[in-house]
PDB file of N, CA and C in Angstrom:
ATOM      1  N   MET A   1     105.753  84.583 114.515  1.00  0.00           N
ATOM      2  CA  MET A   1     105.636  84.131 113.332  1.00  0.00           C
ATOM      3  C   MET A   1     104.206  83.992 112.425  1.00  0.00           C
ATOM      4  N   SER A   2     104.397  84.458 110.921  1.00  0.00           N
ATOM      5  CA  SER A   2     103.258  84.906 110.467  1.00  0.00           C
ATOM      6  C   SER A   2     102.611  82.939 110.269  1.00  0.00           C
ATOM      7  N   PHE A   3     101.238  83.197 109.939  1.00  0.00           N
ATOM      8  CA  PHE A   3     100.229  81.896 109.641  1.00  0.00           C
ATOM      9  C   PHE A   3     100.362  81.891 107.751  1.00  0.00           C
ATOM     10  N   ASP A   4     100.717  83.208 107.317  1.00  0.00           N
ATOM     11  CA  ASP A   4     100.793  82.420 105.798  1.00  0.00           C
ATOM     12  C   ASP A   4     102.018  82.525 104.922  1.00  0.00           C
ATOM     13  N   HIS A   5     101.940  81.963 103.888  1.00  0.00           N
ATOM     14  CA  HIS A   5     103.094  81.254 103.252  1.00  0.00           C
ATOM     15  C   HIS A   5     104.009  82.487 102.520  1.00  0.00           C
ATOM     16  N   PRO A   6     105.186  82.595 102.172  1.00  0.00           N
ATOM     17  CA  PRO A   6     105.989  81.798 103.331  1.00  0.00           C
ATOM     18  C   PRO A   6     106.082  82.031 104.708  1.00  0.00           C
ATOM     19  N   ALA A   7     106.635  81.152 105.408  1.00  0.00           N
ATOM     20  CA  ALA A   7     106.434  81.214 106.908  1.00  0.00           C
ATOM     21  C   ALA A   7     107.402  82.644 107.267  1.00  0.00           C
ATOM     22  N   ARG A   8     107.317  83.762 107.907  1.00  0.00           N
ATOM     23  CA  ARG A   8     108.247  84.462 108.029  1.00  0.00           C
ATOM     24  C   ARG A   8     108.273  85.315 109.599  1.00  0.00           C
ATOM     25  N   ILE A   9     108.941  86.417 110.107  1.00  0.00           N
ATOM     26  CA  ILE A   9     108.812  86.643 111.145  1.00  0.00           C
ATOM     27  C   ILE A   9     108.205  88.075 111.031  1.00  0.00           C
ATOM     28  N   LEU A  10     107.061  88.212 111.900  1.00  0.00           N
ATOM     29  CA  LEU A  10     105.917  89.481 111.923  1.00  0.00           C
ATOM     30  C   LEU A  10     106.618  90.525 112.357  1.00  0.00           C
ATOM     31  N   SER A  11     107.281  90.455 113.407  1.00  0.00           N
ATOM     32  CA  SER A  11     108.113  91.764 114.243  1.00  0.00           C
ATOM     33  C   SER A  11     109.445  91.626 114.751  1.00  0.00           C
ATOM     34  N   VAL A  12     110.410  92.499 114.954  1.00  0.00           N
ATOM     35  CA  VAL A  12     111.388  92.174 115.641  1.00  0.00           C
ATOM     36  C   VAL A  12     111.728  93.536 116.380  1.00  0.00           C
ATOM     37  N   ARG A  13     112.299  93.075 117.551  1.00  0.00           N
ATOM     38  CA  ARG A  13     112.507  94.405 118.365  1.00  0.00           C
ATOM     39  C   ARG A  13     113.644  94.125 118.928  1.00  0.00           C
ATOM     40  N   ILE A  14     114.594  95.185 118.841  1.00  0.00           N
ATOM     41  CA  ILE A  14     116.182  95.321 119.210  1.00  0.00           C
ATOM     42  C   ILE A  14     116.222  96.438 120.576  1.00  0.00           C
ATOM     43  N   THR A  15     116.912  95.782 121.499  1.00  0.00           N
ATOM     44  CA  THR A  15     116.878  96.943 122.680  1.00  0.00           C
ATOM     45  C   THR A  15     118.428  97.534 122.359  1.00  0.00           C
ATOM     46  N   VAL A  16     118.389  98.173 122.455  1.00  0.00           N
ATOM     47  CA  VAL A  16     120.028  98.691 122.807  1.00  0.00           C
ATOM     48  C   VAL A  16     120.562  99.589 123.810  1.00  0.00           C
ATOM     49  N   VAL A  17     121.260  98.973 124.732  1.00  0.00           N
ATOM     50  CA  VAL A  17     121.636  99.382 125.943  1.00  0.00           C
ATOM     51  C   VAL A  17     123.069 100.466 126.018  1.00  0.00           C
ATOM     52  N   PRO A  18     122.580 101.579 126.103  1.00  0.00           N
ATOM     53  CA  PRO A  18     123.899 102.401 125.691  1.00  0.00           C
ATOM     54  C   PRO A  18     124.923 102.084 127.026  1.00  0.00           C
ATOM     55  N   PRO A  19     126.019 102.636 126.824  1.00  0.00           N
ATOM     56  CA  PRO A  19     127.045 102.385 128.014  1.00  0.00           C
ATOM     57  C   PRO A  19     126.541 103.897 129.023  1.00  0.00           C
ATOM     58  N   PRO A  20     126.836 103.194 130.481  1.00  0.00           N
ATOM     59  CA  PRO A  20     126.494 104.575 131.184  1.00  0.00           C
ATOM     60  C   PRO A  20     126.964 105.721 131.249  1.00  0.00           C
ATOM     61  N   ALA A  21     128.109 105.948 130.784  1.00  0.00           N
ATOM     62  CA  ALA A  21     128.782 106.937 130.536  1.00  0.00           C
ATOM     63  C   ALA A  21     128.297 108.066 129.753  1.00  0.00           C
ATOM     64  N   LEU A  22     127.353 107.280 128.632  1.00  0.00           N
ATOM     65  CA  LEU A  22     126.927 108.148 127.585  1.00  0.00           C
ATOM     66  C   LEU A  22     125.886 109.818 127.946  1.00  0.00           C
ATOM     67  N   SER A  23     126.370 110.581 127.278  1.00  0.00           N
ATOM     68  CA  SER A  23     125.544 111.828 127.661  1.00  0.00           C
ATOM     69  C   SER A  23     124.549 111.868 127.779  1.00  0.00           C
ATOM     70  N   ALA A  24     123.324 112.695 127.896  1.00  0.00           N
ATOM     71  CA  ALA A  24     121.968 112.469 128.408  1.00  0.00           C
ATOM     72  C   ALA A  24     121.794 113.016 126.765  1.00  0.00           C
ATOM     73  N   GLN A  25     122.770 114.083 126.019  1.00  0.00           N
ATOM     74  CA  GLN A  25     122.327 114.210 124.671  1.00  0.00           C
ATOM     75  C   GLN A  25     122.542 113.237 123.409  1.00  0.00           C
ATOM     76  N   ARG A  26     123.465 112.483 123.611  1.00  0.00           N
ATOM     77  CA  ARG A  26     123.672 111.368 122.928  1.00  0.00           C
ATOM     78  C   ARG A  26     122.666 110.138 122.887  1.00  0.00           C
ATOM     79  N   HIS A  27     122.071 110.081 124.528  1.00  0.00           N
ATOM     80  CA  HIS A  27     121.124 109.283 124.892  1.00  0.00           C
ATOM     81  C   HIS A  27     119.627 109.453 124.176  1.00  0.00           C
ATOM     82  N   ALA A  28     119.300 110.913 124.062  1.00  0.00           N
ATOM     83  CA  ALA A  28     118.668 111.009 123.468  1.00  0.00           C
ATOM     84  C   ALA A  28     118.342 110.789 121.730  1.00  0.00           C
ATOM     85  N   ALA A  29     119.842 110.636 121.456  1.00  0.00           N
ATOM     86  CA  ALA A  29     119.852 110.714 119.945  1.00  0.00           C
ATOM     87  C   ALA A  29     119.680 109.315 119.454  1.00  0.00           C
ATOM     88  N   LEU A  30     119.752 108.436 120.275  1.00  0.00           N
ATOM     89  CA  LEU A  30     119.734 106.646 119.819  1.00  0.00           C
ATOM     90  C   LEU A  30     118.916 106.471 119.118  1.00  0.00           C
ATOM     91  N   PRO A  31     117.561 107.073 119.027  1.00  0.00           N
ATOM     92  CA  PRO A  31     116.512 106.707 118.348  1.00  0.00           C
ATOM     93  C   PRO A  31     116.333 107.003 116.869  1.00  0.00           C
ATOM     94  N   ALA A  32     117.418 108.335 116.638  1.00  0.00           N
ATOM     95  CA  ALA A  32     117.543 108.716 115.424  1.00  0.00           C
ATOM     96  C   ALA A  32     118.759 107.850 114.783  1.00  0.00           C
ATOM     97  N   VAL A  33     119.833 107.538 115.737  1.00  0.00           N
ATOM     98  CA  VAL A  33     120.758 106.687 115.118  1.00  0.00           C
ATOM     99  C   VAL A  33     120.322 105.541 114.828  1.00  0.00           C
ATOM    100  N   ALA A  34     119.599 104.747 115.740  1.00  0.00           N
ATOM    101  CA  ALA A  34     118.943 103.681 115.113  1.00  0.00           C
ATOM    102  C   ALA A  34     118.110 103.407 114.002  1.00  0.00           C
ATOM    103  N   SER A  35     117.519 104.493 113.641  1.00  0.00           N
ATOM    104  CA  SER A  35     116.712 104.767 112.719  1.00  0.00           C
ATOM    105  C   SER A  35     117.398 104.502 110.963  1.00  0.00           C
ATOM    106  N   HIS A  36     118.518 104.697 111.192  1.00  0.00           N
ATOM    107  CA  HIS A  36     119.557 104.647 110.245  1.00  0.00           C
ATOM    108  C   HIS A  36     120.204 103.873 110.071  1.00  0.00           C
ATOM    109  N   CYS A  37     120.693 102.949 110.952  1.00  0.00           N
ATOM    110  CA  CYS A  37     121.394 102.323 110.916  1.00  0.00           C
ATOM    111  C   CYS A  37     121.269 101.084 109.373  1.00  0.00           C
ATOM    112  N   THR A  38     122.332 100.461 109.200  1.00  0.00           N
ATOM    113  CA  THR A  38     121.972  99.459 107.737  1.00  0.00           C
ATOM    114  C   THR A  38     121.069  98.310 107.952  1.00  0.00           C
ATOM    115  N   VAL A  39     121.260  97.785 109.529  1.00  0.00           N
ATOM    116  CA  VAL A  39     120.109  96.613 109.749  1.00  0.00           C
ATOM    117  C   VAL A  39     118.501  97.241 109.532  1.00  0.00           C
ATOM    118  N   HIS A  40     118.456  98.561 110.214  1.00  0.00           N
ATOM    119  CA  HIS A  40     117.079  98.534 110.297  1.00  0.00           C
ATOM    120  C   HIS A  40     116.610  99.175 108.375  1.00  0.00           C
ATOM    121  N   ASN A  41     117.769  99.854 107.770  1.00  0.00           N
ATOM    122  CA  ASN A  41     117.196 100.208 106.678  1.00  0.00           C
ATOM    123  C   ASN A  41     116.812  98.896 105.657  1.00  0.00           C
ATOM    124  N   THR A  42     117.674  97.995 105.909  1.00  0.00           N
ATOM    125  CA  THR A  42     117.534  96.666 105.327  1.00  0.00           C
ATOM    126  C   THR A  42     115.898  95.553 105.527  1.00  0.00           C
ATOM    127  N   LEU A  43     115.736  95.747 107.033  1.00  0.00           N
ATOM    128  CA  LEU A  43     114.679  95.634 107.010  1.00  0.00           C
ATOM    129  C   LEU A  43     113.409  96.061 106.943  1.00  0.00           C
ATOM    130  N   ARG A  44     113.289  97.431 106.395  1.00  0.00           N
ATOM    131  CA  ARG A  44     112.382  98.216 106.028  1.00  0.00           C
ATOM    132  C   ARG A  44     112.372  97.834 104.416  1.00  0.00           C
ATOM    133  N   ARG A  45     113.150  97.801 103.851  1.00  0.00           N
ATOM    134  CA  ARG A  45     113.144  97.347 102.415  1.00  0.00           C
ATOM    135  C   ARG A  45     113.910  96.545 102.357  1.00  0.00           C
ATOM    136  N   SER A  46     113.155  95.255 101.259  1.00  0.00           N
ATOM    137  CA  SER A  46     113.994  93.915 101.328  1.00  0.00           C
ATOM    138  C   SER A  46     114.873  94.117 100.604  1.00  0.00           C
ATOM    139  N   PRO A  47     115.907  93.006 100.537  1.00  0.00           N
ATOM    140  CA  PRO A  47     117.377  93.196  99.732  1.00  0.00           C
ATOM    141  C   PRO A  47     116.532  92.982  98.348  1.00  0.00           C
ATOM    142  N   GLU A  48     117.432  93.174  97.158  1.00  0.00           N
ATOM    143  CA  GLU A  48     117.151  93.472  95.734  1.00  0.00           C
ATOM    144  C   GLU A  48     117.335  91.318  95.946  1.00  0.00           C
ATOM    145  N   GLU A  49     118.399  90.877  96.415  1.00  0.00           N
ATOM    146  CA  GLU A  49     118.794  89.506  96.024  1.00  0.00           C
ATOM    147  C   GLU A  49     119.428  89.231  97.332  1.00  0.00           C
ATOM    148  N   MET A  50     119.108  87.982  97.639  1.00  0.00           N
ATOM    149  CA  MET A  50     119.367  87.049  99.252  1.00  0.00           C
ATOM    150  C   MET A  50     119.634  85.727  98.691  1.00  0.00           C
ATOM    151  N   SER A  51     120.952  85.744  99.416  1.00  0.00           N
ATOM    152  CA  SER A  51     121.355  84.064  99.000  1.00  0.00           C
ATOM    153  C   SER A  51     121.878  83.386 100.211  1.00  0.00           C
ATOM    154  N   VAL A  52     121.639  82.072 100.609  1.00  0.00           N
ATOM    155  CA  VAL A  52     122.240  81.231 101.760  1.00  0.00           C
ATOM    156  C   VAL A  52     122.919  80.435 101.233  1.00  0.00           C
ATOM    157  N   GLU A  53     124.551  80.366 101.659  1.00  0.00           N
ATOM    158  CA  GLU A  53     125.334  79.379 101.425  1.00  0.00           C
ATOM    159  C   GLU A  53     125.578  78.631 102.700  1.00  0.00           C
ATOM    160  N   PRO A  54     126.305  77.362 102.436  1.00  0.00           N
ATOM    161  CA  PRO A  54     126.786  76.823 103.456  1.00  0.00           C
ATOM    162  C   PRO A  54     127.842  77.540 103.800  1.00  0.00           C
ATOM    163  N   ALA A  55     128.540  77.273 105.113  1.00  0.00           N
ATOM    164  CA  ALA A  55     129.631  77.910 105.593  1.00  0.00           C
ATOM    165  C   ALA A  55     130.982  76.612 105.119  1.00  0.00           C
ATOM    166  N   PRO A  56     132.031  77.099 104.908  1.00  0.00           N
ATOM    167  CA  PRO A  56     133.345  76.395 104.298  1.00  0.00           C
ATOM    168  C   PRO A  56     133.495  75.311 105.749  1.00  0.00           C
ATOM    169  N   GLU A  57     133.907  74.069 105.329  1.00  0.00           N
ATOM    170  CA  GLU A  57     134.423  73.085 105.983  1.00  0.00           C
ATOM    171  C   GLU A  57     135.411  73.779 106.988  1.00  0.00           C
ATOM    172  N   PRO A  58     135.458  73.410 108.089  1.00  0.00           N
ATOM    173  CA  PRO A  58     136.818  73.900 109.292  1.00  0.00           C
ATOM    174  C   PRO A  58     138.146  73.099 108.719  1.00  0.00           C
ATOM    175  N   GLU A  59     139.011  73.936 108.640  1.00  0.00           N
ATOM    176  CA  GLU A  59     140.362  73.282 107.789  1.00  0.00           C
ATOM    177  C   GLU A  59     141.118  72.077 109.621  1.00  0.00           C
ATOM    178  N   GLU A  60     141.464  71.290 108.966  1.00  0.00           N
ATOM    179  CA  GLU A  60     142.262  70.679 110.117  1.00  0.00           C
ATOM    180  C   GLU A  60     143.493  70.954 110.490  1.00  0.00           C
ATOM    181  N   PRO A  61     143.919  71.227 112.076  1.00  0.00           N
ATOM    182  CA  PRO A  61     144.657  71.534 112.738  1.00  0.00           C
ATOM    183  C   PRO A  61     146.009  71.196 112.432  1.00  0.00           C
TER     184      PRO A  61
END
């Protein structure tokens, strides 16, 4: 966590565990694929707009 304001996370580490059957060629391509994913792109460049909304109340059965 940062010590400045507003409080924020300073770093994020994501570990990708590929399936055992993944070929060596595809395994080698994982860093490139991960660097182009939507979450990675969003963390590198802040969204233009962000909102926080409460979830709707669950319906009675």
